[in-house]
Amino acid sequence: MINLIGLMRPLPSQLKVGYCNWRIQNNRLFNQQGNGASEVGLHPSLKSQPALKMIAMSNQNRVYILSGQKIIYILNARFNLADRHCCVSVGDLRGTSIYHYDANGNSVKSSDWLSIGKSEDFEARSQNNNKTNDTILLSKSDAKWLNANLSEHVEMIIY
């Protein structure tokens, strides 16, 4: 039943991967916005993967992690970026906590952050889900995994 519904959603042309690989990875995805992992099972090891690349699809609220021509993980994400069509790379700045200000001027603490581009971050959603600018919000589990395992200078294309 899931695959029949999925057939109505075509493979995004920006990914340039095989349909079977895309379909299998989508079947592993949770449709949740909690603090757990985005996919069923354990996070894959990124250190042994050659030619890592990330493709962020803001219209789907997903970040695809690719190794060569194969999707190895899909992240559920919420995008709060001003520039949605750009190419950035993962920076060397990262940490366990960071403070931002939301649209109302309130201080918002987020955890397990990782810099991308000049002023953007991947980070775990705050407890009160406040919207902060220049962030891609992930589940706590996914943000912690990326912070610990994703090396710097990995290219990410944002659509």
Protein backbone atom coordinates (compact mmCIF):
# COMPACT_ATOMS: atom_id res chain seq x y z
CA MET A 1 0.00 0.00 0.00
CA ILE A 2 2.81 2.43 0.89
CA ASN A 3 4.56 1.74 -2.43
CA LEU A 4 1.33 2.27 -4.38
CA ILE A 5 0.85 5.67 -2.78
CA GLY A 6 4.55 6.38 -3.31
CA LEU A 7 4.25 5.75 -7.03
CA MET A 8 2.24 8.95 -7.27
CA ARG A 9 5.24 10.90 -5.97
CA PRO A 10 7.96 10.96 -8.65
CA LEU A 11 11.68 10.80 -7.95
CA PRO A 12 13.04 14.38 -7.59
CA SER A 13 15.19 15.07 -10.65
CA GLN A 14 17.80 16.93 -8.57
CA LEU A 15 18.84 13.72 -6.75
CA LYS A 16 20.23 11.88 -9.81
CA VAL A 17 19.94 8.48 -8.09
CA GLY A 18 18.16 5.27 -9.03
CA TYR A 19 14.43 4.97 -8.41
CA CYS A 20 14.79 1.70 -6.43
CA ASN A 21 17.33 3.24 -4.04
CA TRP A 22 15.11 6.30 -3.54
CA ARG A 23 11.99 4.17 -2.96
CA ILE A 24 13.72 1.87 -0.41
CA GLN A 25 15.06 4.83 1.57
CA ASN A 26 11.64 6.52 1.55
CA ASN A 27 10.05 3.33 2.88
CA ARG A 28 12.45 3.48 5.86
CA LEU A 29 11.37 7.02 6.72
CA PHE A 30 9.29 7.91 9.76
CA ASN A 31 6.67 10.63 9.25
CA GLN A 32 7.27 12.14 12.64
CA GLN A 33 8.58 15.41 13.98
CA GLY A 34 9.77 14.17 17.38
CA ASN A 35 13.23 13.68 18.82
CA GLY A 36 13.88 10.22 17.36
CA ALA A 37 15.77 9.25 14.23
CA SER A 38 14.22 10.08 10.86
CA GLU A 39 14.63 6.52 9.57
CA VAL A 40 13.93 3.08 10.99
CA GLY A 41 17.09 1.39 12.32
CA LEU A 42 20.52 2.70 13.23
CA HIS A 43 22.22 5.74 11.75
CA PRO A 44 24.78 4.68 9.12
CA SER A 45 28.49 5.28 9.53
CA LEU A 46 29.54 8.35 7.53
CA LYS A 47 33.28 8.06 8.10
CA SER A 48 33.69 5.13 5.68
CA GLN A 49 31.49 6.59 2.92
CA PRO A 50 33.26 7.93 -0.18
CA ALA A 51 32.24 11.17 -1.91
CA LEU A 52 29.59 12.36 0.55
CA LYS A 53 27.17 14.99 -0.69
CA MET A 54 23.97 16.45 0.73
CA ILE A 55 20.89 17.66 -1.13
CA ALA A 56 18.37 19.69 0.87
CA MET A 57 14.85 19.85 -0.56
CA SER A 58 13.05 22.62 1.32
CA ASN A 59 9.74 21.93 -0.44
CA GLN A 60 9.82 18.34 0.90
CA ASN A 61 11.30 19.18 4.34
CA ARG A 62 14.04 16.62 3.74
CA VAL A 63 17.82 16.48 3.54
CA TYR A 64 19.24 13.59 1.51
CA ILE A 65 22.73 12.31 2.33
CA LEU A 66 24.33 10.67 -0.71
CA SER A 67 27.44 8.60 -1.17
CA GLY A 68 28.24 8.69 -4.87
CA GLN A 69 24.98 7.88 -6.70
CA LYS A 70 23.29 6.23 -3.70
CA ILE A 71 21.11 7.69 -0.94
CA ILE A 72 22.38 6.47 2.43
CA TYR A 73 20.09 8.46 4.75
CA ILE A 74 17.16 10.88 4.64
CA LEU A 75 16.68 13.50 7.36
CA ASN A 76 13.30 15.01 8.21
CA ALA A 77 14.00 18.72 8.51
CA ARG A 78 12.35 22.10 8.92
CA PHE A 79 13.90 24.92 6.90
CA ASN A 80 14.22 28.49 8.19
CA LEU A 81 16.57 29.81 5.52
CA ALA A 82 16.32 33.10 3.65
CA ASP A 83 18.26 31.83 0.62
CA ARG A 84 16.74 28.52 -0.46
CA HIS A 85 18.68 27.96 -3.69
CA CYS A 86 22.38 27.84 -3.00
CA CYS A 87 25.40 25.62 -2.61
CA VAL A 88 27.18 25.59 0.77
CA SER A 89 29.60 23.32 2.58
CA VAL A 90 29.69 21.97 6.12
CA GLY A 91 31.90 24.12 8.32
CA ASP A 92 34.26 23.23 11.14
CA LEU A 93 32.23 24.98 13.84
CA ARG A 94 30.00 22.72 15.94
CA GLY A 95 28.94 22.31 19.53
CA THR A 96 26.49 20.92 22.05
CA SER A 97 24.47 24.12 22.62
CA ILE A 98 23.82 27.46 20.92
CA TYR A 99 21.60 30.45 21.67
CA HIS A 100 19.51 32.38 19.13
CA TYR A 101 16.79 35.00 19.26
CA ASP A 102 13.39 34.22 17.78
CA ALA A 103 11.15 36.67 15.88
CA ASN A 104 9.81 38.04 19.21
CA GLY A 105 13.28 38.71 20.65
CA ASN A 106 13.15 35.74 23.05
CA SER A 107 16.33 33.76 23.68
CA VAL A 108 16.10 30.23 22.28
CA LYS A 109 18.53 27.47 23.24
CA SER A 110 19.19 24.71 20.71
CA SER A 111 21.50 21.76 20.98
CA ASP A 112 23.90 19.72 18.86
CA TRP A 113 24.54 22.33 16.19
CA LEU A 114 26.77 22.18 13.13
CA SER A 115 27.68 25.14 10.91
CA ILE A 116 26.90 25.20 7.19
CA GLY A 117 27.73 28.01 4.83
CA LYS A 118 28.57 31.45 6.20
CA SER A 119 25.89 31.87 8.84
CA GLU A 120 23.53 28.88 8.74
CA ASP A 121 23.31 25.90 11.10
CA PHE A 122 21.95 22.41 11.37
CA GLU A 123 20.60 22.04 14.89
CA ALA A 124 18.18 20.09 17.05
CA ARG A 125 14.70 21.54 17.46
CA SER A 126 14.28 23.56 20.63
CA GLN A 127 11.85 22.24 23.23
CA ASN A 128 9.30 24.97 22.53
CA ASN A 129 9.78 24.73 18.71
CA ASN A 130 10.50 28.44 18.32
CA LYS A 131 11.42 29.50 14.81
CA THR A 132 14.97 30.83 14.48
CA ASN A 133 16.36 32.26 11.25
CA ASP A 134 19.17 30.69 9.21
CA THR A 135 18.66 27.19 10.56
CA ILE A 136 17.74 23.73 9.37
CA LEU A 137 16.05 22.08 12.32
CA LEU A 138 16.43 18.34 12.85
CA SER A 139 15.34 15.84 15.48
CA LYS A 140 17.63 15.65 18.51
CA SER A 141 18.82 12.18 17.53
CA ASP A 142 19.65 13.20 13.95
CA ALA A 143 21.38 16.45 15.00
CA LYS A 144 23.53 14.63 17.55
CA TRP A 145 24.51 11.99 14.95
CA LEU A 146 25.42 14.64 12.32
CA ASN A 147 27.39 16.67 14.84
CA ALA A 148 29.48 13.63 15.79
CA ASN A 149 29.88 11.98 12.37
CA LEU A 150 29.70 14.44 9.47
CA SER A 151 33.11 15.76 8.45
CA GLU A 152 33.66 19.34 7.37
CA HIS A 153 33.71 20.50 3.72
CA VAL A 154 30.88 18.14 2.66
CA GLU A 155 28.98 19.94 -0.10
CA MET A 156 25.27 20.65 0.35
CA ILE A 157 23.00 21.94 -2.39
CA ILE A 158 19.79 23.59 -1.18
CA TYR A 159 16.72 23.61 -3.46
